[in-house]
């Protein structure tokens, strides 16, 4: 008897995503780790203090948000996942600054110990405010710890960046060293980086070069 359990499960979640020629994946994430494991001594304790906050990072560059979505580009969130040890609130800010309110969108509220994954049809998109991508837009995503102790766990958002026009996507990216914060330019496909500032190695992802997920 055939076993269709994998196909049924996949269909309930989401069919595989194949990008159009003018699209690429972007991922933004936060990873708050418990240090002190003798098997992995280089993993440091990194958390969100009670009442504190952390900006998410661009997974392909390790750069802290906010980022700029340039003229001629749109950005749309298509999935969100998080698992945290304390109560957490996740907010996105588009074009917000001390002098301009912009848009503030709640992306999720999690109780400590919860694990959540959500597929989104159109959870958040710059097209809500600028369908033709006429202007650049800043995007910031911040996790707030609303629990009574340090928060550990992670948050990840998968997005689709789309070109509106004919200018191609860049072939390089600016990576930020997590050890010394030195910034250097690398090919988009680079994942293992040797920092030219401190000489240490670190890893980033390569979502921008993927053409399909799942399916």
N, C-alpha and C. Protein backbone atom coordinates (compact mmCIF):
# COMPACT_ATOMS: atom_id res chain seq x y z
N UNK A 1 0.84 -1.20 0.00
CA UNK A 1 0.00 0.00 0.00
C UNK A 1 0.88 1.25 0.00
N UNK A 2 0.66 2.17 -0.93
CA UNK A 2 1.51 3.38 -0.98
C UNK A 2 1.36 4.22 0.28
N UNK A 3 2.45 4.86 0.68
CA UNK A 3 2.45 5.74 1.84
C UNK A 3 2.51 7.18 1.36
N UNK A 4 1.37 7.88 1.48
CA UNK A 4 1.29 9.27 1.00
C UNK A 4 1.39 10.26 2.16
N UNK A 5 1.83 9.81 3.33
CA UNK A 5 1.81 10.67 4.50
C UNK A 5 2.66 11.92 4.31
N UNK A 6 3.82 11.78 3.67
CA UNK A 6 4.70 12.93 3.46
C UNK A 6 4.03 13.94 2.54
N UNK A 7 3.42 13.46 1.45
CA UNK A 7 2.78 14.36 0.49
C UNK A 7 1.58 15.06 1.12
N UNK A 8 0.80 14.32 1.92
CA UNK A 8 -0.36 14.93 2.56
C UNK A 8 0.08 15.99 3.55
N UNK A 9 1.10 15.67 4.35
CA UNK A 9 1.61 16.63 5.32
C UNK A 9 2.13 17.88 4.63
N UNK A 10 2.88 17.70 3.54
CA UNK A 10 3.42 18.83 2.80
C UNK A 10 2.32 19.69 2.22
N UNK A 11 1.28 19.05 1.69
CA UNK A 11 0.18 19.80 1.10
C UNK A 11 -0.58 20.62 2.11
N UNK A 12 -0.68 20.10 3.34
CA UNK A 12 -1.37 20.84 4.38
C UNK A 12 -0.57 22.06 4.81
N UNK A 13 0.73 21.94 4.75
CA UNK A 13 1.58 23.07 5.12
C UNK A 13 1.68 24.06 3.96
N UNK A 14 2.41 23.68 2.95
CA UNK A 14 2.54 24.52 1.76
C UNK A 14 3.28 23.74 0.69
N UNK A 15 2.78 23.85 -0.52
CA UNK A 15 3.50 23.21 -1.63
C UNK A 15 4.84 23.89 -1.81
N UNK A 16 5.76 23.22 -2.51
CA UNK A 16 7.07 23.81 -2.75
C UNK A 16 6.97 25.15 -3.44
N UNK A 17 7.90 26.03 -3.09
CA UNK A 17 7.90 27.38 -3.63
C UNK A 17 8.98 27.48 -4.70
N UNK A 18 8.58 27.78 -5.91
CA UNK A 18 9.53 28.01 -7.00
C UNK A 18 9.48 29.49 -7.36
N UNK A 19 10.63 30.14 -7.36
CA UNK A 19 10.67 31.57 -7.58
C UNK A 19 10.59 31.93 -9.05
N UNK A 20 10.06 33.12 -9.31
CA UNK A 20 10.10 33.69 -10.65
C UNK A 20 11.51 34.24 -10.91
N UNK A 21 11.79 34.58 -12.15
CA UNK A 21 13.14 35.05 -12.51
C UNK A 21 13.52 36.32 -11.78
N UNK A 22 12.53 37.11 -11.38
CA UNK A 22 12.81 38.40 -10.75
C UNK A 22 12.63 38.36 -9.23
N UNK A 23 12.72 37.17 -8.64
CA UNK A 23 12.54 37.02 -7.20
C UNK A 23 13.74 36.31 -6.57
N UNK A 24 13.93 36.55 -5.27
CA UNK A 24 14.90 35.79 -4.50
C UNK A 24 14.41 35.69 -3.06
N UNK A 25 14.90 34.67 -2.34
CA UNK A 25 14.54 34.51 -0.95
C UNK A 25 15.39 35.42 -0.07
N UNK A 26 14.80 35.91 1.01
CA UNK A 26 15.52 36.60 2.08
C UNK A 26 15.08 35.98 3.40
N UNK A 27 15.98 35.84 4.33
CA UNK A 27 15.65 35.29 5.64
C UNK A 27 16.21 36.20 6.73
N UNK A 28 15.39 36.45 7.74
CA UNK A 28 15.80 37.25 8.89
C UNK A 28 15.57 36.42 10.15
N UNK A 29 16.54 36.43 11.05
CA UNK A 29 16.46 35.51 12.18
C UNK A 29 17.14 36.07 13.42
N UNK A 30 16.74 35.52 14.55
CA UNK A 30 17.42 35.74 15.82
C UNK A 30 17.66 34.40 16.47
N UNK A 31 18.84 34.19 17.03
CA UNK A 31 19.19 32.92 17.65
C UNK A 31 19.87 33.20 18.98
N UNK A 32 19.20 32.86 20.08
CA UNK A 32 19.69 33.20 21.41
C UNK A 32 20.05 31.91 22.13
N UNK A 33 21.36 31.73 22.34
CA UNK A 33 21.90 30.42 22.70
C UNK A 33 22.37 30.35 24.15
N UNK A 34 22.29 29.13 24.69
CA UNK A 34 22.82 28.85 26.02
C UNK A 34 24.28 28.41 25.88
N UNK A 35 25.18 29.13 26.51
CA UNK A 35 26.59 28.79 26.44
C UNK A 35 27.02 27.88 27.58
N UNK A 36 28.30 27.56 27.61
CA UNK A 36 28.84 26.79 28.71
C UNK A 36 28.89 25.29 28.49
N UNK A 37 28.47 24.81 27.32
CA UNK A 37 28.55 23.38 27.02
C UNK A 37 30.01 23.02 26.71
N UNK A 38 30.58 22.10 27.48
CA UNK A 38 31.99 21.76 27.31
C UNK A 38 32.29 21.13 25.96
N UNK A 39 31.28 20.52 25.33
CA UNK A 39 31.49 19.94 24.01
C UNK A 39 31.63 21.01 22.94
N UNK A 40 31.02 22.18 23.19
CA UNK A 40 31.06 23.28 22.21
C UNK A 40 31.45 24.56 22.94
N UNK A 41 32.70 24.66 23.36
CA UNK A 41 33.12 25.77 24.21
C UNK A 41 33.10 27.14 23.53
N UNK A 42 33.08 27.17 22.19
CA UNK A 42 33.09 28.46 21.51
C UNK A 42 31.70 29.07 21.38
N UNK A 43 30.65 28.30 21.70
CA UNK A 43 29.29 28.83 21.68
C UNK A 43 29.08 29.66 22.94
N UNK A 44 28.86 30.95 22.76
CA UNK A 44 28.71 31.85 23.90
C UNK A 44 27.25 31.94 24.34
N UNK A 45 27.07 32.31 25.60
CA UNK A 45 25.73 32.57 26.11
C UNK A 45 25.24 33.89 25.52
N UNK A 46 24.14 33.83 24.81
CA UNK A 46 23.63 35.02 24.11
C UNK A 46 22.12 34.99 24.24
N UNK A 47 21.56 35.94 24.96
CA UNK A 47 20.13 35.90 25.25
C UNK A 47 19.52 37.29 25.17
N UNK A 48 18.22 37.36 25.42
CA UNK A 48 17.55 38.65 25.58
C UNK A 48 17.21 38.78 27.05
N UNK A 49 17.76 39.77 27.71
CA UNK A 49 17.52 39.96 29.14
C UNK A 49 16.04 40.24 29.40
N UNK A 50 15.58 39.92 30.60
CA UNK A 50 14.20 40.22 30.97
C UNK A 50 13.91 41.70 30.76
N UNK A 51 12.85 41.99 30.02
CA UNK A 51 12.52 43.37 29.71
C UNK A 51 13.32 43.97 28.58
N UNK A 52 14.24 43.20 28.00
CA UNK A 52 15.11 43.71 26.94
C UNK A 52 14.59 43.39 25.55
N UNK A 53 15.41 43.71 24.56
CA UNK A 53 15.03 43.49 23.17
C UNK A 53 16.27 43.16 22.35
N UNK A 54 16.05 42.54 21.19
CA UNK A 54 17.12 42.28 20.22
C UNK A 54 16.58 42.50 18.82
N UNK A 55 17.40 43.14 17.97
CA UNK A 55 17.09 43.22 16.55
C UNK A 55 17.40 41.88 15.90
N UNK A 56 16.59 41.47 14.93
CA UNK A 56 16.91 40.28 14.15
C UNK A 56 18.06 40.60 13.20
N UNK A 57 18.61 39.55 12.57
CA UNK A 57 19.73 39.69 11.65
C UNK A 57 19.35 39.18 10.26
N UNK A 58 20.01 39.73 9.25
CA UNK A 58 19.93 39.18 7.90
C UNK A 58 20.71 37.87 7.90
N UNK A 59 20.03 36.77 7.64
CA UNK A 59 20.67 35.46 7.74
C UNK A 59 21.81 35.26 6.75
N UNK A 60 21.76 35.94 5.61
CA UNK A 60 22.80 35.78 4.58
C UNK A 60 24.05 36.61 4.83
N UNK A 61 23.96 37.59 5.73
CA UNK A 61 25.11 38.48 5.97
C UNK A 61 25.48 38.61 7.45
N UNK A 62 24.61 38.19 8.34
CA UNK A 62 24.75 38.35 9.79
C UNK A 62 24.66 39.81 10.22
N UNK A 63 24.18 40.67 9.35
CA UNK A 63 24.04 42.09 9.67
C UNK A 63 22.76 42.32 10.46
N UNK A 64 22.88 43.12 11.51
CA UNK A 64 21.71 43.47 12.31
C UNK A 64 20.75 44.34 11.51
N UNK A 65 19.46 44.10 11.68
CA UNK A 65 18.48 45.01 11.11
C UNK A 65 18.50 46.30 11.92
N UNK A 66 18.08 47.44 11.34
CA UNK A 66 17.28 47.57 10.12
C UNK A 66 18.10 47.46 8.83
N UNK A 67 17.39 47.10 7.76
CA UNK A 67 17.95 47.10 6.42
C UNK A 67 17.17 48.09 5.57
N UNK A 68 17.71 48.36 4.39
CA UNK A 68 17.00 49.21 3.43
C UNK A 68 16.57 48.35 2.26
N UNK A 69 15.28 48.37 1.96
CA UNK A 69 14.75 47.76 0.75
C UNK A 69 14.83 48.84 -0.33
N UNK A 70 15.70 48.67 -1.33
CA UNK A 70 15.97 49.78 -2.26
C UNK A 70 14.83 50.05 -3.23
N UNK A 71 14.93 51.19 -3.89
CA UNK A 71 13.99 51.52 -4.97
C UNK A 71 13.98 50.39 -5.99
N UNK A 72 12.80 50.03 -6.46
CA UNK A 72 12.69 48.96 -7.45
C UNK A 72 12.60 47.57 -6.87
N UNK A 73 12.57 47.45 -5.53
CA UNK A 73 12.45 46.16 -4.86
C UNK A 73 11.24 46.16 -3.94
N UNK A 74 10.55 45.02 -3.84
CA UNK A 74 9.53 44.82 -2.82
C UNK A 74 9.95 43.65 -1.94
N UNK A 75 9.42 43.60 -0.73
CA UNK A 75 9.75 42.53 0.21
C UNK A 75 8.47 42.07 0.90
N UNK A 76 8.23 40.75 0.88
CA UNK A 76 7.01 40.19 1.44
C UNK A 76 7.34 39.00 2.35
N UNK A 77 6.82 39.01 3.57
CA UNK A 77 7.01 37.90 4.50
C UNK A 77 6.07 36.76 4.12
N UNK A 78 6.60 35.53 4.00
CA UNK A 78 5.76 34.39 3.63
C UNK A 78 5.68 33.32 4.71
N UNK A 79 6.59 33.32 5.69
CA UNK A 79 6.46 32.37 6.80
C UNK A 79 7.22 32.88 8.01
N UNK A 80 6.73 32.48 9.19
CA UNK A 80 7.34 32.87 10.45
C UNK A 80 7.38 31.65 11.36
N UNK A 81 8.49 31.46 12.04
CA UNK A 81 8.59 30.40 13.04
C UNK A 81 9.34 30.90 14.26
N UNK A 82 8.93 30.47 15.44
CA UNK A 82 9.67 30.84 16.63
C UNK A 82 9.44 29.83 17.76
N UNK A 83 10.44 29.67 18.58
CA UNK A 83 10.38 28.84 19.78
C UNK A 83 11.24 29.51 20.83
N UNK A 84 10.64 29.92 21.95
CA UNK A 84 11.35 30.72 22.94
C UNK A 84 11.01 30.24 24.35
N UNK A 85 11.88 30.58 25.30
CA UNK A 85 11.71 30.12 26.67
C UNK A 85 10.95 31.10 27.55
N UNK A 86 10.71 32.32 27.06
CA UNK A 86 9.99 33.33 27.81
C UNK A 86 8.92 33.96 26.92
N UNK A 87 8.00 34.69 27.54
CA UNK A 87 7.00 35.42 26.75
C UNK A 87 7.71 36.42 25.85
N UNK A 88 7.29 36.47 24.60
CA UNK A 88 7.96 37.32 23.61
C UNK A 88 6.93 38.00 22.71
N UNK A 89 7.24 39.22 22.33
CA UNK A 89 6.45 39.95 21.33
C UNK A 89 7.38 40.31 20.19
N UNK A 90 6.90 40.13 18.95
CA UNK A 90 7.72 40.40 17.76
C UNK A 90 7.06 41.50 16.94
N UNK A 91 7.80 42.58 16.67
CA UNK A 91 7.27 43.70 15.91
C UNK A 91 8.14 43.99 14.69
N UNK A 92 7.47 44.39 13.61
CA UNK A 92 8.16 44.90 12.42
C UNK A 92 7.87 46.38 12.30
N UNK A 93 8.89 47.13 11.89
CA UNK A 93 8.76 48.58 11.69
C UNK A 93 9.17 48.90 10.26
N UNK A 94 8.31 49.58 9.54
CA UNK A 94 8.60 50.01 8.18
C UNK A 94 8.65 51.53 8.15
N UNK A 95 9.81 52.06 7.78
CA UNK A 95 10.01 53.51 7.64
C UNK A 95 9.79 54.27 8.94
N UNK A 96 9.92 53.61 10.07
CA UNK A 96 9.76 54.28 11.36
C UNK A 96 11.09 54.89 11.80
N UNK A 97 11.00 56.02 12.48
CA UNK A 97 12.19 56.70 12.99
C UNK A 97 11.76 57.59 14.15
N UNK A 98 12.72 58.18 14.87
CA UNK A 98 12.33 59.09 15.96
C UNK A 98 11.50 60.28 15.48
N UNK A 99 11.57 60.59 14.18
CA UNK A 99 10.86 61.77 13.66
C UNK A 99 9.65 61.40 12.80
N UNK A 100 9.44 60.09 12.56
CA UNK A 100 8.34 59.68 11.68
C UNK A 100 7.79 58.35 12.18
N UNK A 101 6.46 58.31 12.37
CA UNK A 101 5.85 57.12 12.95
C UNK A 101 5.99 55.89 12.05
N UNK A 102 5.82 56.06 10.75
CA UNK A 102 5.89 54.92 9.85
C UNK A 102 4.83 53.89 10.17
N UNK A 103 5.16 52.62 9.98
CA UNK A 103 4.22 51.52 10.24
C UNK A 103 4.82 50.57 11.26
N UNK A 104 4.04 50.19 12.25
CA UNK A 104 4.45 49.23 13.27
C UNK A 104 3.47 48.07 13.24
N UNK A 105 3.96 46.86 12.93
CA UNK A 105 3.09 45.70 12.73
C UNK A 105 3.48 44.59 13.69
N UNK A 106 2.51 44.09 14.44
CA UNK A 106 2.76 42.96 15.33
C UNK A 106 2.83 41.68 14.51
N UNK A 107 3.96 40.97 14.59
CA UNK A 107 4.15 39.73 13.85
C UNK A 107 3.92 38.49 14.68
N UNK A 108 3.73 38.65 15.99
CA UNK A 108 3.49 37.47 16.80
C UNK A 108 3.66 37.73 18.28
N UNK A 109 2.91 36.97 19.08
CA UNK A 109 3.03 36.98 20.53
C UNK A 109 3.18 35.53 20.97
N UNK A 110 4.26 35.20 21.67
CA UNK A 110 4.54 33.82 22.06
C UNK A 110 4.65 33.70 23.57
N UNK A 111 4.07 32.64 24.11
CA UNK A 111 4.26 32.32 25.51
C UNK A 111 5.51 31.49 25.70
N UNK A 112 6.14 31.59 26.84
CA UNK A 112 7.35 30.83 27.10
C UNK A 112 7.12 29.33 26.93
N UNK A 113 8.01 28.67 26.21
CA UNK A 113 7.88 27.24 25.95
C UNK A 113 7.11 26.90 24.70
N UNK A 114 6.54 27.91 24.03
CA UNK A 114 5.77 27.65 22.82
C UNK A 114 6.68 27.47 21.61
N UNK A 115 6.23 26.65 20.68
CA UNK A 115 6.88 26.50 19.38
C UNK A 115 5.82 26.73 18.32
N UNK A 116 6.04 27.73 17.45
CA UNK A 116 5.02 28.15 16.49
C UNK A 116 5.64 28.23 15.10
N UNK A 117 4.92 27.72 14.10
CA UNK A 117 5.30 27.92 12.70
C UNK A 117 4.04 28.28 11.93
N UNK A 118 4.11 29.33 11.14
CA UNK A 118 2.95 29.80 10.39
C UNK A 118 3.33 30.12 8.96
N UNK A 119 2.60 29.54 8.01
CA UNK A 119 2.72 29.96 6.61
C UNK A 119 1.86 31.19 6.42
N UNK A 120 2.36 32.14 5.68
CA UNK A 120 1.66 33.40 5.46
C UNK A 120 1.36 33.58 3.98
N UNK A 121 0.15 34.02 3.68
CA UNK A 121 -0.14 34.40 2.30
C UNK A 121 0.40 35.80 2.04
N UNK A 122 0.19 36.67 2.98
CA UNK A 122 0.66 38.05 2.83
C UNK A 122 0.68 38.70 4.21
N UNK A 123 1.53 38.19 5.08
CA UNK A 123 1.59 38.69 6.45
C UNK A 123 2.05 40.14 6.51
N UNK A 124 3.04 40.46 5.73
CA UNK A 124 3.60 41.81 5.71
C UNK A 124 4.30 42.03 4.39
N UNK A 125 4.08 43.17 3.77
CA UNK A 125 4.72 43.45 2.49
C UNK A 125 4.90 44.95 2.33
N UNK A 126 6.02 45.34 1.73
CA UNK A 126 6.22 46.75 1.42
C UNK A 126 5.23 47.23 0.36
N UNK A 127 4.64 46.29 -0.39
CA UNK A 127 3.66 46.69 -1.41
C UNK A 127 2.40 47.27 -0.79
N UNK A 128 2.17 47.02 0.50
CA UNK A 128 1.03 47.64 1.16
C UNK A 128 1.14 49.16 1.10
N UNK A 129 2.36 49.66 1.11
CA UNK A 129 2.60 51.09 1.21
C UNK A 129 3.18 51.69 -0.07
N UNK A 130 3.69 50.84 -0.95
CA UNK A 130 4.37 51.34 -2.16
C UNK A 130 4.38 50.23 -3.20
N UNK A 131 3.26 50.04 -3.86
CA UNK A 131 3.09 48.90 -4.76
C UNK A 131 4.08 48.90 -5.91
N UNK A 132 4.47 50.07 -6.38
CA UNK A 132 5.36 50.17 -7.54
C UNK A 132 6.83 50.31 -7.15
N UNK A 133 7.13 50.20 -5.85
CA UNK A 133 8.51 50.28 -5.36
C UNK A 133 9.20 51.56 -5.81
N UNK A 134 8.48 52.66 -5.71
CA UNK A 134 8.99 53.96 -6.14
C UNK A 134 10.00 54.53 -5.15
N UNK A 135 9.89 54.13 -3.89
CA UNK A 135 10.73 54.71 -2.84
C UNK A 135 11.52 53.61 -2.12
N UNK A 136 12.67 53.95 -1.51
CA UNK A 136 13.34 53.00 -0.62
C UNK A 136 12.58 52.91 0.70
N UNK A 137 12.72 51.79 1.38
CA UNK A 137 12.03 51.60 2.66
C UNK A 137 12.96 50.94 3.66
N UNK A 138 12.92 51.41 4.90
CA UNK A 138 13.66 50.74 5.97
C UNK A 138 12.77 49.68 6.61
N UNK A 139 13.37 48.56 6.95
CA UNK A 139 12.66 47.48 7.63
C UNK A 139 13.46 47.07 8.86
N UNK A 140 12.79 47.08 10.00
CA UNK A 140 13.40 46.62 11.25
C UNK A 140 12.46 45.60 11.88
N UNK A 141 13.02 44.54 12.45
CA UNK A 141 12.23 43.54 13.16
C UNK A 141 12.89 43.31 14.51
N UNK A 142 12.11 43.49 15.58
CA UNK A 142 12.65 43.44 16.94
C UNK A 142 11.86 42.44 17.78
N UNK A 143 12.59 41.61 18.53
CA UNK A 143 11.98 40.70 19.50
C UNK A 143 12.11 41.32 20.89
N UNK A 144 10.99 41.38 21.61
CA UNK A 144 10.95 41.95 22.96
C UNK A 144 10.68 40.84 23.97
N UNK A 145 11.51 40.73 24.98
CA UNK A 145 11.32 39.75 26.05
C UNK A 145 10.37 40.33 27.08
N UNK A 146 9.19 39.72 27.21
CA UNK A 146 8.19 40.16 28.18
C UNK A 146 8.09 39.18 29.36
N UNK A 147 9.05 38.27 29.45
CA UNK A 147 9.07 37.32 30.55
C UNK A 147 9.87 37.83 31.73
N UNK A 148 10.02 36.97 32.74
CA UNK A 148 10.70 37.36 33.96
C UNK A 148 12.13 36.91 34.07
N UNK A 149 12.66 36.29 33.01
CA UNK A 149 14.05 35.81 33.03
C UNK A 149 14.63 35.94 31.63
N UNK A 150 15.91 35.61 31.51
CA UNK A 150 16.57 35.69 30.20
C UNK A 150 15.87 34.78 29.19
N UNK A 151 15.73 35.27 27.97
CA UNK A 151 15.05 34.52 26.91
C UNK A 151 16.07 33.84 26.01
N UNK A 152 15.84 32.54 25.77
CA UNK A 152 16.63 31.76 24.82
C UNK A 152 15.68 31.19 23.77
N UNK A 153 16.24 30.83 22.63
CA UNK A 153 15.42 30.25 21.57
C UNK A 153 15.74 30.89 20.24
N UNK A 154 14.74 30.98 19.38
CA UNK A 154 14.99 31.54 18.06
C UNK A 154 13.74 32.00 17.36
N UNK A 155 13.95 32.89 16.39
CA UNK A 155 12.89 33.41 15.52
C UNK A 155 13.43 33.41 14.10
N UNK A 156 12.60 33.04 13.14
CA UNK A 156 13.03 33.08 11.74
C UNK A 156 11.86 33.50 10.86
N UNK A 157 12.13 34.40 9.93
CA UNK A 157 11.15 34.84 8.94
C UNK A 157 11.71 34.59 7.55
N UNK A 158 10.92 33.95 6.70
CA UNK A 158 11.30 33.76 5.31
C UNK A 158 10.51 34.75 4.46
N UNK A 159 11.21 35.43 3.57
CA UNK A 159 10.59 36.47 2.75
C UNK A 159 10.93 36.25 1.28
N UNK A 160 10.15 36.87 0.42
CA UNK A 160 10.48 36.93 -1.00
C UNK A 160 10.73 38.39 -1.36
N UNK A 161 11.92 38.64 -1.92
CA UNK A 161 12.26 39.96 -2.44
C UNK A 161 12.04 39.92 -3.95
N UNK A 162 11.36 40.91 -4.47
CA UNK A 162 11.02 40.91 -5.90
C UNK A 162 11.45 42.22 -6.55
N UNK A 163 11.97 42.10 -7.76
CA UNK A 163 12.35 43.27 -8.54
C UNK A 163 11.14 43.82 -9.28
N UNK A 164 11.01 45.13 -9.24
CA UNK A 164 9.98 45.81 -10.04
C UNK A 164 10.74 46.66 -11.05
N UNK A 165 10.99 46.11 -12.22
CA UNK A 165 11.84 46.77 -13.21
C UNK A 165 12.86 45.78 -13.75
N UNK A 166 13.91 46.28 -14.37
CA UNK A 166 14.85 45.41 -15.08
C UNK A 166 16.23 45.32 -14.44
N UNK A 167 16.51 46.13 -13.43
CA UNK A 167 17.82 46.09 -12.79
C UNK A 167 18.01 44.76 -12.07
N UNK A 168 19.12 44.05 -12.30
CA UNK A 168 19.31 42.72 -11.70
C UNK A 168 19.66 42.81 -10.21
N UNK A 169 19.50 41.67 -9.51
CA UNK A 169 19.94 41.59 -8.13
C UNK A 169 21.46 41.70 -8.05
N UNK A 170 22.00 42.23 -6.96
CA UNK A 170 23.45 42.32 -6.82
C UNK A 170 24.09 40.94 -6.74
N UNK A 171 25.34 40.85 -7.13
CA UNK A 171 26.07 39.58 -7.10
C UNK A 171 26.98 39.47 -5.88
N UNK A 172 27.00 40.50 -5.04
CA UNK A 172 27.81 40.49 -3.82
C UNK A 172 26.93 40.88 -2.63
N UNK A 173 27.45 40.64 -1.44
CA UNK A 173 26.76 41.01 -0.21
C UNK A 173 27.78 41.47 0.81
N UNK A 174 27.35 42.32 1.75
CA UNK A 174 28.23 42.83 2.79
C UNK A 174 28.02 42.04 4.07
N UNK A 175 29.00 41.22 4.43
CA UNK A 175 28.91 40.36 5.60
C UNK A 175 29.53 41.04 6.82
N UNK A 176 28.95 40.79 7.99
CA UNK A 176 29.41 41.40 9.23
C UNK A 176 29.92 40.31 10.16
N UNK A 177 31.16 40.43 10.60
CA UNK A 177 31.77 39.44 11.49
C UNK A 177 31.12 39.49 12.87
N UNK A 178 30.63 38.37 13.39
CA UNK A 178 30.02 38.37 14.73
C UNK A 178 31.04 38.52 15.85
N UNK A 179 32.32 38.37 15.54
CA UNK A 179 33.37 38.46 16.56
C UNK A 179 33.90 39.88 16.74
N UNK A 180 34.10 40.60 15.62
CA UNK A 180 34.69 41.95 15.72
C UNK A 180 33.88 43.01 14.98
N UNK A 181 32.78 42.60 14.32
CA UNK A 181 31.88 43.50 13.58
C UNK A 181 32.52 44.12 12.35
N UNK A 182 33.65 43.54 11.89
CA UNK A 182 34.24 44.00 10.63
C UNK A 182 33.31 43.64 9.48
N UNK A 183 33.11 44.57 8.57
CA UNK A 183 32.23 44.34 7.42
C UNK A 183 33.08 44.18 6.16
N UNK A 184 32.76 43.17 5.36
CA UNK A 184 33.49 42.95 4.11
C UNK A 184 32.56 42.42 3.04
N UNK A 185 32.94 42.65 1.79
CA UNK A 185 32.12 42.26 0.64
C UNK A 185 32.50 40.86 0.18
N UNK A 186 31.48 40.02 -0.02
CA UNK A 186 31.67 38.64 -0.45
C UNK A 186 30.67 38.31 -1.56
N UNK A 187 30.94 37.27 -2.37
CA UNK A 187 29.95 36.83 -3.35
C UNK A 187 28.65 36.43 -2.66
N UNK A 188 27.54 36.61 -3.33
CA UNK A 188 26.24 36.26 -2.76
C UNK A 188 26.21 34.82 -2.29
N UNK A 189 26.90 33.93 -3.00
CA UNK A 189 26.86 32.50 -2.69
C UNK A 189 27.75 32.10 -1.51
N UNK A 190 28.57 33.01 -1.00
CA UNK A 190 29.51 32.68 0.08
C UNK A 190 28.77 32.32 1.36
N UNK A 191 29.21 31.26 2.03
CA UNK A 191 28.61 30.86 3.30
C UNK A 191 29.63 30.72 4.43
N UNK A 192 30.87 30.42 4.11
CA UNK A 192 31.92 30.30 5.13
C UNK A 192 32.90 31.46 4.92
N UNK A 193 32.91 32.37 5.86
CA UNK A 193 33.64 33.63 5.70
C UNK A 193 34.85 33.67 6.63
N UNK A 194 36.00 34.05 6.10
CA UNK A 194 37.18 34.34 6.92
C UNK A 194 37.28 35.85 7.07
N UNK A 195 37.14 36.33 8.28
CA UNK A 195 37.12 37.77 8.52
C UNK A 195 38.49 38.38 8.22
N UNK A 196 38.50 39.44 7.43
CA UNK A 196 39.74 40.14 7.11
C UNK A 196 40.15 41.11 8.22
N UNK A 197 39.28 41.24 9.23
CA UNK A 197 39.61 42.09 10.35
C UNK A 197 40.32 41.34 11.47
N UNK A 198 39.69 40.25 11.96
CA UNK A 198 40.25 39.52 13.09
C UNK A 198 40.79 38.14 12.71
N UNK A 199 40.52 37.69 11.48
CA UNK A 199 41.03 36.40 11.02
C UNK A 199 40.19 35.20 11.39
N UNK A 200 39.12 35.40 12.17
CA UNK A 200 38.28 34.28 12.57
C UNK A 200 37.29 33.92 11.46
N UNK A 201 36.82 32.68 11.49
CA UNK A 201 35.84 32.23 10.51
C UNK A 201 34.44 32.25 11.12
N UNK A 202 33.45 32.47 10.26
CA UNK A 202 32.06 32.37 10.68
C UNK A 202 31.21 31.95 9.49
N UNK A 203 29.97 31.58 9.76
CA UNK A 203 29.10 31.07 8.71
C UNK A 203 27.86 31.94 8.55
N UNK A 204 27.42 32.09 7.31
CA UNK A 204 26.16 32.74 6.99
C UNK A 204 25.40 31.82 6.03
N UNK A 205 24.15 32.14 5.77
CA UNK A 205 23.35 31.31 4.87
C UNK A 205 23.42 31.83 3.44
N UNK A 206 22.74 31.14 2.55
CA UNK A 206 22.76 31.49 1.13
C UNK A 206 21.36 31.39 0.54
N UNK A 207 20.39 32.00 1.20
CA UNK A 207 19.02 31.96 0.70
C UNK A 207 18.88 32.67 -0.64
N UNK A 208 19.68 33.71 -0.87
CA UNK A 208 19.54 34.50 -2.09
C UNK A 208 19.78 33.69 -3.36
N UNK A 209 20.58 32.63 -3.27
CA UNK A 209 20.88 31.83 -4.46
C UNK A 209 19.92 30.66 -4.67
N UNK A 210 19.06 30.38 -3.67
CA UNK A 210 18.11 29.28 -3.82
C UNK A 210 17.01 29.66 -4.80
N UNK A 211 16.60 28.72 -5.60
CA UNK A 211 15.52 28.97 -6.56
C UNK A 211 14.23 28.26 -6.18
N UNK A 212 14.32 27.30 -5.26
CA UNK A 212 13.13 26.55 -4.88
C UNK A 212 13.30 26.00 -3.48
N UNK A 213 12.19 25.96 -2.72
CA UNK A 213 12.18 25.35 -1.40
C UNK A 213 11.05 24.33 -1.36
N UNK A 214 11.35 23.12 -0.88
CA UNK A 214 10.32 22.10 -0.74
C UNK A 214 9.79 21.63 -2.08
N UNK A 215 8.69 20.89 -2.01
CA UNK A 215 8.03 20.43 -3.22
C UNK A 215 8.72 19.22 -3.83
